[in-house]
Protein backbone atom coordinates (compact mmCIF):
# COMPACT_ATOMS: atom_id res chain seq x y z
CA MET A 1 5.37 -9.72 20.61
CA SER A 2 5.79 -10.37 16.89
CA ASP A 3 8.88 -9.37 14.92
CA MET A 4 9.12 -5.78 13.73
CA TYR A 5 9.66 -5.37 9.96
CA ASP A 6 10.61 -2.41 7.84
CA VAL A 7 7.80 -3.28 5.47
CA VAL A 8 5.03 -5.88 5.38
CA ILE A 9 3.75 -6.59 1.87
CA VAL A 10 0.23 -7.95 1.46
CA GLY A 11 -0.16 -9.87 -1.79
CA GLY A 12 2.18 -12.13 -3.74
CA GLY A 13 1.33 -11.11 -7.29
CA PRO A 14 3.67 -9.27 -9.67
CA GLY A 15 3.50 -5.99 -7.73
CA GLY A 16 3.97 -7.55 -4.32
CA LEU A 17 6.75 -9.91 -5.32
CA MET A 18 8.60 -7.15 -7.19
CA ALA A 19 8.33 -4.90 -4.12
CA ALA A 20 9.59 -7.74 -1.92
CA LYS A 21 12.51 -8.53 -4.24
CA VAL A 22 13.63 -4.89 -4.44
CA ALA A 23 13.15 -4.15 -0.74
CA GLY A 24 15.14 -7.29 0.08
CA GLU A 25 17.91 -6.30 -2.33
CA ASN A 26 17.99 -2.90 -0.62
CA GLY A 27 18.64 -4.52 2.75
CA LEU A 28 15.24 -4.03 4.35
CA LYS A 29 13.62 -6.50 6.71
CA VAL A 30 10.62 -7.67 4.72
CA ALA A 31 7.63 -9.97 5.23
CA LEU A 32 5.36 -10.92 2.33
CA LEU A 33 1.91 -12.34 3.10
CA GLU A 34 0.00 -14.28 0.46
CA ARG A 35 -3.49 -15.74 0.83
CA LYS A 36 -2.77 -18.75 -1.41
CA GLU A 37 -0.89 -21.73 -0.02
CA HIS A 38 1.12 -21.89 -3.24
CA VAL A 39 2.27 -18.33 -3.86
CA THR A 40 2.86 -18.60 -7.61
CA ALA A 41 -0.21 -20.70 -8.50
CA ILE A 42 -2.49 -19.08 -11.10
CA GLN A 43 -6.02 -19.62 -9.87
CA ARG A 44 -8.09 -17.09 -11.84
CA SER A 45 -8.89 -16.82 -15.52
CA CYS A 46 -6.07 -14.95 -17.22
CA GLN A 47 -4.06 -14.87 -20.42
CA THR A 48 -0.92 -12.88 -19.75
CA MET A 49 0.53 -10.76 -22.52
CA PHE A 50 3.54 -8.49 -22.17
CA ALA A 51 1.51 -5.29 -21.95
CA ILE A 52 2.47 -3.48 -23.94
CA GLU A 53 5.24 -3.45 -26.55
CA ASP A 54 3.73 -1.27 -29.26
CA GLU A 55 3.67 2.15 -27.53
CA TYR A 56 4.34 3.95 -24.26
CA TYR A 57 2.20 2.61 -21.42
CA PHE A 58 2.12 4.07 -17.91
CA GLY A 59 5.13 6.14 -18.98
CA GLU A 60 7.21 3.11 -20.00
CA ARG A 61 8.42 1.82 -23.39
CA MET A 62 8.80 -1.80 -22.34
CA TYR A 63 9.73 -4.74 -24.56
CA PHE A 64 10.82 -8.38 -24.41
CA ASN A 65 14.43 -9.06 -25.41
CA GLU A 66 14.20 -12.62 -26.72
CA GLN A 67 17.97 -12.91 -27.29
CA GLN A 68 18.84 -12.27 -23.64
CA LYS A 69 15.46 -13.52 -22.33
CA ARG A 70 14.75 -10.36 -20.40
CA LEU A 71 11.73 -8.11 -19.83
CA VAL A 72 13.14 -4.63 -20.39
CA PHE A 73 11.86 -1.38 -18.81
CA PRO A 74 14.24 1.27 -20.18
CA VAL A 75 12.44 4.34 -18.81
CA SER A 76 12.19 2.92 -15.29
CA GLY A 77 15.76 1.66 -15.60
CA PHE A 78 15.52 -2.05 -14.90
CA SER A 79 15.09 -5.41 -16.59
CA LEU A 80 14.09 -8.85 -15.38
CA PRO A 81 15.13 -12.31 -16.49
CA TYR A 82 12.35 -14.34 -18.07
CA THR A 83 13.22 -17.86 -19.20
CA GLY A 84 9.70 -19.27 -19.32
CA PRO A 85 7.67 -20.08 -22.43
CA TYR A 86 6.37 -17.34 -24.70
CA LEU A 87 4.48 -17.05 -27.99
CA ASN A 88 4.43 -14.17 -30.47
CA PHE A 89 1.15 -12.81 -31.79
CA TYR A 90 0.76 -10.53 -34.78
CA ALA A 91 -2.77 -9.08 -34.96
CA TRP A 92 -6.06 -8.53 -33.15
CA HIS A 93 -9.11 -9.78 -35.07
CA VAL A 94 -12.56 -8.59 -34.00
CA TYR A 95 -15.49 -10.68 -35.28
CA THR A 96 -19.10 -9.57 -35.67
CA PRO A 97 -21.70 -11.54 -33.67
CA ASP A 98 -22.80 -13.51 -36.75
CA GLY A 99 -19.22 -14.59 -37.45
CA LYS A 100 -19.43 -13.32 -41.04
CA HIS A 101 -17.06 -10.38 -40.82
CA CYS A 102 -13.66 -9.82 -39.25
CA ILE A 103 -12.13 -6.44 -38.46
CA LYS A 104 -8.38 -6.78 -38.79
CA LEU A 105 -6.30 -4.69 -36.42
CA GLY A 106 -2.77 -5.21 -37.68
CA ASP A 107 -1.73 -6.93 -40.90
CA TYR A 108 -1.44 -10.54 -39.77
CA GLU A 109 0.35 -11.98 -42.80
CA GLN A 110 2.74 -9.08 -43.19
CA ASN A 111 3.60 -8.89 -39.50
CA ARG A 112 4.02 -12.65 -39.19
CA ALA A 113 6.47 -12.69 -42.09
CA LYS A 114 8.73 -10.34 -40.08
CA GLY A 115 8.95 -12.71 -37.11
CA HIS A 116 9.58 -11.11 -33.72
CA LYS A 117 10.16 -7.73 -35.39
CA GLY A 118 6.58 -7.74 -36.66
CA ARG A 119 4.80 -9.02 -33.57
CA LEU A 120 2.36 -6.97 -31.52
CA SER A 121 3.66 -8.59 -28.34
CA VAL A 122 4.04 -11.97 -26.66
CA PHE A 123 1.88 -14.22 -24.51
CA TYR A 124 3.94 -15.52 -21.61
CA SER A 125 3.64 -17.52 -18.40
CA LYS A 126 2.63 -15.43 -15.41
CA GLN A 127 3.49 -18.39 -13.20
CA ALA A 128 7.06 -18.51 -14.53
CA LEU A 129 7.39 -14.77 -13.93
CA LEU A 130 6.14 -15.09 -10.34
CA GLU A 131 8.44 -18.05 -9.68
CA SER A 132 11.45 -15.98 -10.78
CA LEU A 133 10.45 -13.02 -8.60
CA LEU A 134 9.76 -15.27 -5.62
CA LYS A 135 13.16 -16.94 -5.95
CA ASP A 136 14.91 -13.55 -6.03
CA ALA A 137 12.94 -12.33 -3.01
CA GLN A 138 13.81 -15.41 -0.97
CA GLU A 139 17.48 -15.21 -1.93
CA ASN A 140 17.49 -11.62 -0.65
CA GLY A 141 16.21 -12.54 2.78
CA VAL A 142 12.49 -11.82 2.41
CA SER A 143 10.31 -13.85 4.78
CA ILE A 144 7.46 -15.43 2.79
CA PHE A 145 4.25 -16.38 4.60
CA PRO A 146 1.82 -18.32 2.36
CA GLY A 147 -1.69 -19.20 3.45
CA MET A 148 -2.13 -15.89 5.28
CA ASN A 149 -5.56 -14.33 4.84
CA VAL A 150 -5.39 -10.67 5.91
CA VAL A 151 -8.58 -9.57 7.66
CA ASP A 152 -7.59 -6.37 9.47
CA TRP A 153 -5.06 -3.57 9.72
CA ARG A 154 -4.51 -0.87 12.31
CA ARG A 155 -2.18 1.98 13.09
CA VAL A 156 -0.77 1.88 16.63
CA GLY A 157 1.33 4.96 17.26
CA ASP A 158 4.06 4.90 14.63
CA VAL A 159 3.57 1.21 13.85
CA ASN A 160 1.38 -0.52 11.27
CA GLU A 161 -0.11 -3.85 12.27
CA VAL A 162 -1.52 -6.38 9.82
CA ILE A 163 -3.76 -9.08 11.28
CA THR A 164 -4.61 -12.38 9.61
CA ALA A 165 -7.54 -14.76 9.98
CA GLU A 166 -5.05 -17.23 11.41
CA GLY A 167 -4.50 -14.87 14.35
CA THR A 168 -1.00 -13.75 13.41
CA HIS A 169 0.00 -10.10 13.85
CA PHE A 170 2.69 -8.54 11.63
CA ARG A 171 4.18 -5.21 12.75
CA SER A 172 6.09 -2.82 10.48
CA THR A 173 7.02 0.77 9.77
CA PHE A 174 5.45 0.65 6.30
CA THR A 175 2.86 -1.57 4.64
CA ILE A 176 2.43 -2.21 0.92
CA ALA A 177 -1.07 -3.08 -0.28
CA ALA A 178 -0.50 -5.29 -3.31
CA ASP A 179 -3.51 -7.51 -2.74
CA GLY A 180 -5.07 -7.06 -6.15
CA ILE A 181 -8.15 -5.64 -7.75
CA ASN A 182 -10.50 -6.76 -4.97
CA SER A 183 -8.12 -5.46 -2.32
CA ARG A 184 -9.08 -6.13 1.29
CA LEU A 185 -6.73 -3.41 2.53
CA MET A 186 -8.37 -0.76 0.34
CA LYS A 187 -11.67 -1.59 2.03
CA ILE A 188 -10.18 -1.64 5.54
CA LEU A 189 -8.53 1.75 4.93
CA ASP A 190 -11.88 3.16 3.71
CA LEU A 191 -10.18 4.22 0.47
CA ASN A 192 -12.88 2.66 -1.73
CA LYS A 193 -15.37 5.18 -0.33
CA GLN A 194 -13.37 7.87 -2.14
CA ARG A 195 -13.72 6.08 -5.48
CA LYS A 196 -16.55 5.66 -7.99
CA PHE A 197 -17.87 2.13 -8.45
CA TYR A 198 -18.71 1.13 -12.03
CA GLY A 199 -19.79 -2.49 -11.75
CA THR A 200 -18.46 -6.01 -11.43
CA LEU A 201 -16.80 -8.00 -14.18
CA GLN A 202 -17.25 -11.76 -14.30
CA GLY A 203 -15.83 -14.34 -16.63
CA ALA A 204 -15.17 -18.01 -17.27
CA GLY A 205 -12.26 -19.48 -19.19
CA TYR A 206 -11.04 -22.80 -20.54
CA TYR A 207 -7.60 -23.92 -21.56
CA MET A 208 -8.24 -26.15 -24.58
CA THR A 209 -6.35 -28.21 -27.12
CA GLY A 210 -7.49 -29.04 -30.65
CA VAL A 211 -8.70 -25.52 -31.41
CA ALA A 212 -8.67 -24.49 -35.10
CA VAL A 213 -8.96 -20.72 -35.56
CA PRO A 214 -8.38 -19.04 -38.94
CA HIS A 215 -5.38 -17.08 -37.66
CA PRO A 216 -3.77 -18.99 -34.80
CA GLU A 217 -1.11 -16.39 -33.99
CA ALA A 218 -3.58 -13.57 -33.48
CA ILE A 219 -5.96 -12.53 -30.74
CA ASN A 220 -9.35 -13.72 -31.99
CA TYR A 221 -12.08 -11.58 -30.44
CA PRO A 222 -15.71 -12.35 -31.30
CA ILE A 223 -18.17 -9.86 -29.86
CA ILE A 224 -21.58 -11.32 -29.05
CA PHE A 225 -24.59 -10.15 -27.08
CA HIS A 226 -26.65 -11.74 -24.34
CA LYS A 227 -30.05 -12.11 -25.96
CA THR A 228 -32.22 -10.98 -23.05
CA THR A 229 -30.21 -8.13 -21.55
CA GLN A 230 -28.33 -7.14 -24.73
CA TYR A 231 -25.20 -6.84 -22.60
CA PRO A 232 -22.08 -7.13 -24.77
CA VAL A 233 -20.01 -10.24 -24.10
CA MET A 234 -16.25 -10.37 -24.66
CA ILE A 235 -15.02 -13.62 -26.21
CA TRP A 236 -11.28 -14.17 -26.38
CA VAL A 237 -9.47 -16.98 -28.20
CA GLY A 238 -5.68 -16.84 -28.03
CA ARG A 239 -2.73 -19.17 -27.79
CA SER A 240 -1.57 -20.34 -24.39
CA PRO A 241 2.12 -20.68 -23.48
CA TYR A 242 1.35 -23.32 -20.85
CA GLY A 243 1.01 -26.36 -23.11
CA GLU A 244 1.53 -27.76 -26.59
CA ASP A 245 -1.28 -26.84 -29.00
CA GLU A 246 -3.10 -25.07 -26.16
CA TYR A 247 -5.44 -22.08 -26.34
CA TRP A 248 -7.17 -19.90 -23.78
CA ILE A 249 -10.89 -19.42 -24.43
CA TYR A 250 -12.75 -16.84 -22.38
CA ALA A 251 -16.21 -15.29 -22.07
CA GLY A 252 -16.83 -12.35 -19.77
CA GLY A 253 -18.48 -9.03 -19.14
CA PRO A 254 -20.47 -7.09 -16.54
CA SER A 255 -22.31 -9.09 -13.92
CA HIS A 256 -26.06 -9.55 -14.25
CA PRO A 257 -28.37 -12.02 -12.47
CA GLU A 258 -29.62 -13.35 -15.82
CA ILE A 259 -26.15 -13.96 -17.27
CA SER A 260 -24.00 -17.05 -16.79
CA TYR A 261 -20.73 -16.53 -18.60
CA LYS A 262 -19.90 -20.21 -18.30
CA ASP A 263 -23.12 -21.02 -20.18
CA ILE A 264 -22.21 -18.43 -22.82
CA LEU A 265 -18.73 -19.91 -23.09
CA ASP A 266 -20.15 -23.41 -23.53
CA GLN A 267 -22.62 -22.19 -26.13
CA THR A 268 -19.84 -20.40 -28.03
CA VAL A 269 -17.91 -23.65 -28.17
CA THR A 270 -20.81 -25.95 -29.05
CA ASP A 271 -23.53 -23.94 -30.81
CA SER A 272 -22.55 -20.57 -32.25
CA PRO A 273 -21.19 -19.09 -35.48
CA PHE A 274 -17.74 -19.86 -34.01
CA SER A 275 -18.31 -23.46 -32.92
CA GLY A 276 -16.46 -24.72 -36.00
CA TRP A 277 -13.26 -23.57 -34.31
CA PHE A 278 -13.87 -26.12 -31.54
CA THR A 279 -15.02 -29.26 -33.36
CA HIS A 280 -12.10 -31.30 -32.04
CA ALA A 281 -11.29 -29.23 -28.98
CA LYS A 282 -10.82 -30.66 -25.49
CA VAL A 283 -10.87 -28.81 -22.18
CA VAL A 284 -7.59 -29.11 -20.28
CA LYS A 285 -8.45 -26.93 -17.28
CA ARG A 286 -10.99 -24.34 -16.17
CA HIS A 287 -10.70 -20.94 -14.53
CA ALA A 288 -13.02 -18.09 -13.59
CA HIS A 289 -12.75 -14.58 -12.17
CA VAL A 290 -14.79 -11.84 -10.49
CA ASN A 291 -13.45 -8.31 -10.08
CA ASN A 292 -14.81 -4.85 -9.45
CA ILE A 293 -14.39 -1.76 -11.62
CA TRP A 294 -13.36 1.40 -9.77
CA SER A 295 -12.12 4.85 -10.55
CA PRO A 296 -8.48 5.17 -9.45
CA THR A 297 -7.77 5.83 -5.80
CA PRO A 298 -7.19 9.58 -5.27
CA THR A 299 -3.83 8.84 -3.63
CA PRO A 300 -1.74 5.66 -3.38
CA PHE A 301 -0.90 6.35 0.29
CA LYS A 302 -2.59 6.41 3.69
CA ASP A 303 -1.11 6.01 7.18
CA ASN A 304 2.18 4.57 5.88
CA VAL A 305 0.39 2.15 3.58
CA LEU A 306 1.51 2.39 -0.07
CA ILE A 307 -0.96 1.18 -2.67
CA VAL A 308 0.55 -0.86 -5.52
CA GLY A 309 -0.77 -2.22 -8.81
CA ASP A 310 -4.37 -3.30 -9.28
CA ALA A 311 -5.33 -2.48 -5.67
CA GLY A 312 -5.68 1.20 -6.51
CA TRP A 313 -6.28 1.21 -10.25
CA THR A 314 -9.20 0.66 -12.63
CA VAL A 315 -9.63 -3.00 -13.57
CA GLU A 316 -5.99 -3.95 -14.28
CA ALA A 317 -2.63 -2.23 -14.16
CA GLU A 318 -1.32 -5.34 -15.94
CA CYS A 319 1.66 -7.29 -14.62
CA THR A 320 3.94 -4.63 -16.05
CA GLY A 321 2.27 -1.66 -14.37
CA SER A 322 2.10 -3.59 -11.11
CA MET A 323 5.80 -4.47 -11.22
CA MET A 324 6.79 -0.89 -11.95
CA SER A 325 4.75 0.39 -9.01
CA GLY A 326 6.10 -2.35 -6.73
CA LEU A 327 9.66 -1.41 -7.63
CA LYS A 328 9.04 2.33 -7.15
CA ALA A 329 7.29 1.80 -3.82
CA ALA A 330 10.12 -0.37 -2.48
CA HIS A 331 12.77 2.15 -3.50
CA ALA A 332 10.75 5.00 -1.96
CA ILE A 333 10.46 3.16 1.37
CA SER A 334 14.19 2.37 1.31
CA GLU A 335 15.01 6.05 0.79
CA ALA A 336 12.53 7.20 3.45
CA LEU A 337 14.03 4.90 6.07
CA ARG A 338 17.56 5.91 5.14
CA GLU A 339 16.62 9.58 5.43
CA GLY A 340 14.86 9.09 8.75
CA LYS A 341 11.53 10.15 7.23
CA PRO A 342 9.18 7.21 7.83
CA ASN A 343 6.12 9.15 6.73
CA ARG A 344 4.24 10.54 3.74
CA ALA A 345 6.95 13.12 3.01
CA GLY A 346 9.54 10.35 2.90
CA VAL A 347 7.72 8.46 0.14
CA GLN A 348 6.45 11.48 -1.79
CA LYS A 349 8.51 10.44 -4.83
CA TYR A 350 6.38 7.30 -5.16
CA ILE A 351 3.13 9.21 -4.70
CA SER A 352 4.14 11.75 -7.35
CA TRP A 353 5.35 9.05 -9.74
CA TRP A 354 2.12 7.08 -9.43
CA GLN A 355 -0.10 10.11 -9.90
CA HIS A 356 1.87 11.26 -12.97
CA HIS A 357 2.11 7.90 -14.74
CA PHE A 358 -1.31 6.50 -13.85
CA PRO A 359 -4.29 8.90 -13.33
CA GLU A 360 -2.65 11.92 -14.99
CA SER A 361 -1.43 10.08 -18.10
CA VAL A 362 -4.29 7.60 -18.65
CA ASP A 363 -7.99 8.43 -18.51
CA TYR A 364 -9.70 5.46 -16.90
CA LYS A 365 -12.99 6.50 -18.53
CA ASP A 366 -11.54 5.51 -21.90
CA PHE A 367 -11.46 1.93 -20.62
CA LEU A 368 -15.05 2.22 -19.41
CA THR A 369 -15.98 3.31 -22.94
CA LEU A 370 -14.49 0.03 -24.18
CA LEU A 371 -16.83 -1.86 -21.83
CA SER A 372 -19.92 0.18 -22.70
CA SER A 373 -19.29 0.52 -26.45
CA GLY A 374 -21.55 -2.41 -27.30
CA LEU A 375 -24.57 -0.90 -25.59
CA VAL A 376 -25.92 0.20 -28.98
CA GLY A 377 -27.10 -3.41 -29.27
CA GLU A 378 -26.36 -6.42 -31.46
CA ASP A 379 -28.09 -5.20 -34.60
CA ALA A 380 -26.35 -1.83 -34.62
CA ALA A 381 -22.95 -3.27 -33.65
CA THR A 382 -23.13 -5.87 -36.41
CA TYR A 383 -24.03 -3.26 -39.02
CA LEU A 384 -21.38 -0.76 -37.90
CA TYR A 385 -18.55 -3.29 -37.64
CA LYS A 386 -19.27 -4.62 -41.12
CA LEU A 387 -18.56 -1.14 -42.48
CA VAL A 388 -14.92 -1.56 -41.45
CA THR A 389 -13.28 -3.42 -44.31
CA GLU A 390 -9.77 -1.96 -44.40
CA ILE A 391 -6.85 -3.31 -42.35
CA LEU A 392 -6.42 -0.97 -39.41
CA PRO A 393 -3.44 -0.20 -37.20
CA CYS A 394 -3.59 -1.98 -33.87
CA SER A 395 -3.00 -0.69 -30.39
CA LEU A 396 -2.78 -3.08 -27.48
CA ASN A 397 -3.39 -0.16 -25.14
CA PRO A 398 -6.90 -0.87 -23.78
CA TYR A 399 -7.46 2.87 -23.43
CA ASN A 400 -6.87 3.35 -27.18
CA LEU A 401 -8.02 0.01 -28.56
CA LEU A 402 -11.25 1.21 -30.16
CA ASN A 403 -9.83 4.38 -31.69
CA SER A 404 -9.03 2.85 -35.09
CA ILE A 405 -12.41 1.11 -35.36
CA ASN A 406 -14.35 4.19 -34.29
CA GLY A 407 -12.31 6.37 -36.62
CA SER A 408 -13.14 4.12 -39.56
CA ILE A 409 -16.85 4.14 -38.68
CA MET A 410 -16.93 7.94 -38.33
CA GLN A 411 -15.60 8.28 -41.90
CA LYS A 412 -18.76 6.53 -43.11
CA LEU A 413 -21.39 8.73 -41.44
CA ASP A 414 -22.95 9.73 -44.78
CA ARG A 415 -23.45 6.07 -45.65
CA ILE A 416 -24.91 5.33 -42.24
CA GLN A 417 -27.29 8.28 -42.61
CA THR A 418 -28.52 6.85 -45.92
CA GLU A 419 -28.72 3.18 -44.98
CA ARG A 420 -29.49 3.22 -41.24
CA PRO A 421 -30.53 6.65 -39.97
CA ASP A 422 -31.93 4.94 -36.86
CA ILE A 423 -28.44 3.75 -35.94
CA LEU A 424 -26.92 7.17 -36.58
CA ALA A 425 -29.51 8.72 -34.27
CA LYS A 426 -28.63 6.15 -31.61
CA LEU A 427 -24.91 6.93 -31.95
CA GLN A 428 -25.52 10.66 -31.71
CA SER A 429 -27.65 10.17 -28.63
CA ALA A 430 -25.08 7.90 -26.98
CA ALA A 431 -22.31 10.43 -27.62
CA THR A 432 -24.07 12.95 -25.36
CA VAL A 433 -24.54 10.57 -22.43
CA PRO A 434 -21.91 10.84 -19.66
CA ILE A 435 -20.00 7.65 -18.96
CA ASP A 436 -21.44 7.46 -15.43
CA VAL A 437 -24.91 7.27 -16.94
CA GLN A 438 -23.86 4.78 -19.61
CA MET A 439 -22.51 2.50 -16.88
CA LYS A 440 -25.61 2.87 -14.67
CA GLY A 441 -26.97 -0.56 -15.53
CA PHE A 442 -23.62 -2.22 -14.86
CA ILE A 443 -23.36 -0.39 -11.53
CA SER A 444 -26.80 -1.56 -10.40
CA THR A 445 -25.98 -5.23 -10.95
CA GLY A 446 -22.47 -5.11 -9.43
CA TYR A 447 -21.24 -6.02 -5.96
CA PRO A 448 -19.17 -3.15 -4.51
CA ASN A 449 -16.77 -3.88 -1.65
CA TYR A 450 -16.93 -0.48 0.03
């Protein structure tokens, strides 16, 4: 018979490692299972920013204290040491598909002159963050099991049992599902059947040196379109904290059988209006990713399994949202066990916190609008974005990111009516279409893991 744990945590990302660290500090007997052999290795395409410093996000007003090298969460009441590399950035620049116009979100020159007080946020090393959390978890007695691929879960009486492909069974009073956006546990628990599926995102990324962008300490964000499908493609060029003179270059968007995002990435680098940025660039390493888009899970709890971070959210809860939910889940389990309430009632504080700070405070459909906003097509998007000539305020909140751009465009409706009434008619028509219908094409070419 295997050991009995207070909690078994599935997933060694920010949410899982934070939950393990806190549960260990609280004196619980904890096992953490991670599919990767090297728990802290970053294997998918990702540029980690401290999301977000410029406003409240998931109920938190977080920031990076560079003097003390700490990630600070004042509302949640904790901070974490972070001694890894980081880089400030000062604006978000959105480029039209022809490369001839740039929408400036944030005043780059003015913000940069202020140093850290003028930054939007920082890029930092997710690997360094995970290494710090892992070290703390191990020092607090957490048993770490790398190379464990969870394939099943079952409830036996009052005990949860997690089963791996390697044939190991882990028994516990509680389980935490922190296994990411393509969560296996969410599927096993049938929780995805209670959610709406909105498609699959795919992307390819390079870490490159020798990149020469006009504003190196900004997020450079060309928007282009796949010629056949007219699907909008997100291009991202930003500094990387992992190496000297290193950038992260990414191309991604909704899956489609005709679209290869690696081919689009290569074309962007070699033969596009932006290829001049990469004349002397060299690829250091390559990454890719595939993840599904879901509506939030109706509840972050089932049969003594607590859902943490991306596993129950839409696209990404970010490292910060995942860590907050991992911490709250671990504290809730600790209290429930202390109170002799190893059940839903015992962890109701976590359930209520998650519902208040995630689905009740953030409308996931606003993020879907960000994905579908380019569906007016390349010609219309190029025309509309070129109308935006003023420097706009920037929000790093992905649920608010387009507000400034859309607000600027809406102020120019009379001009659009005169110059391009066809585009105005298209905008008016799109405004009446429910988001579920707008996303219909993306849904049909996705790969749901129900």
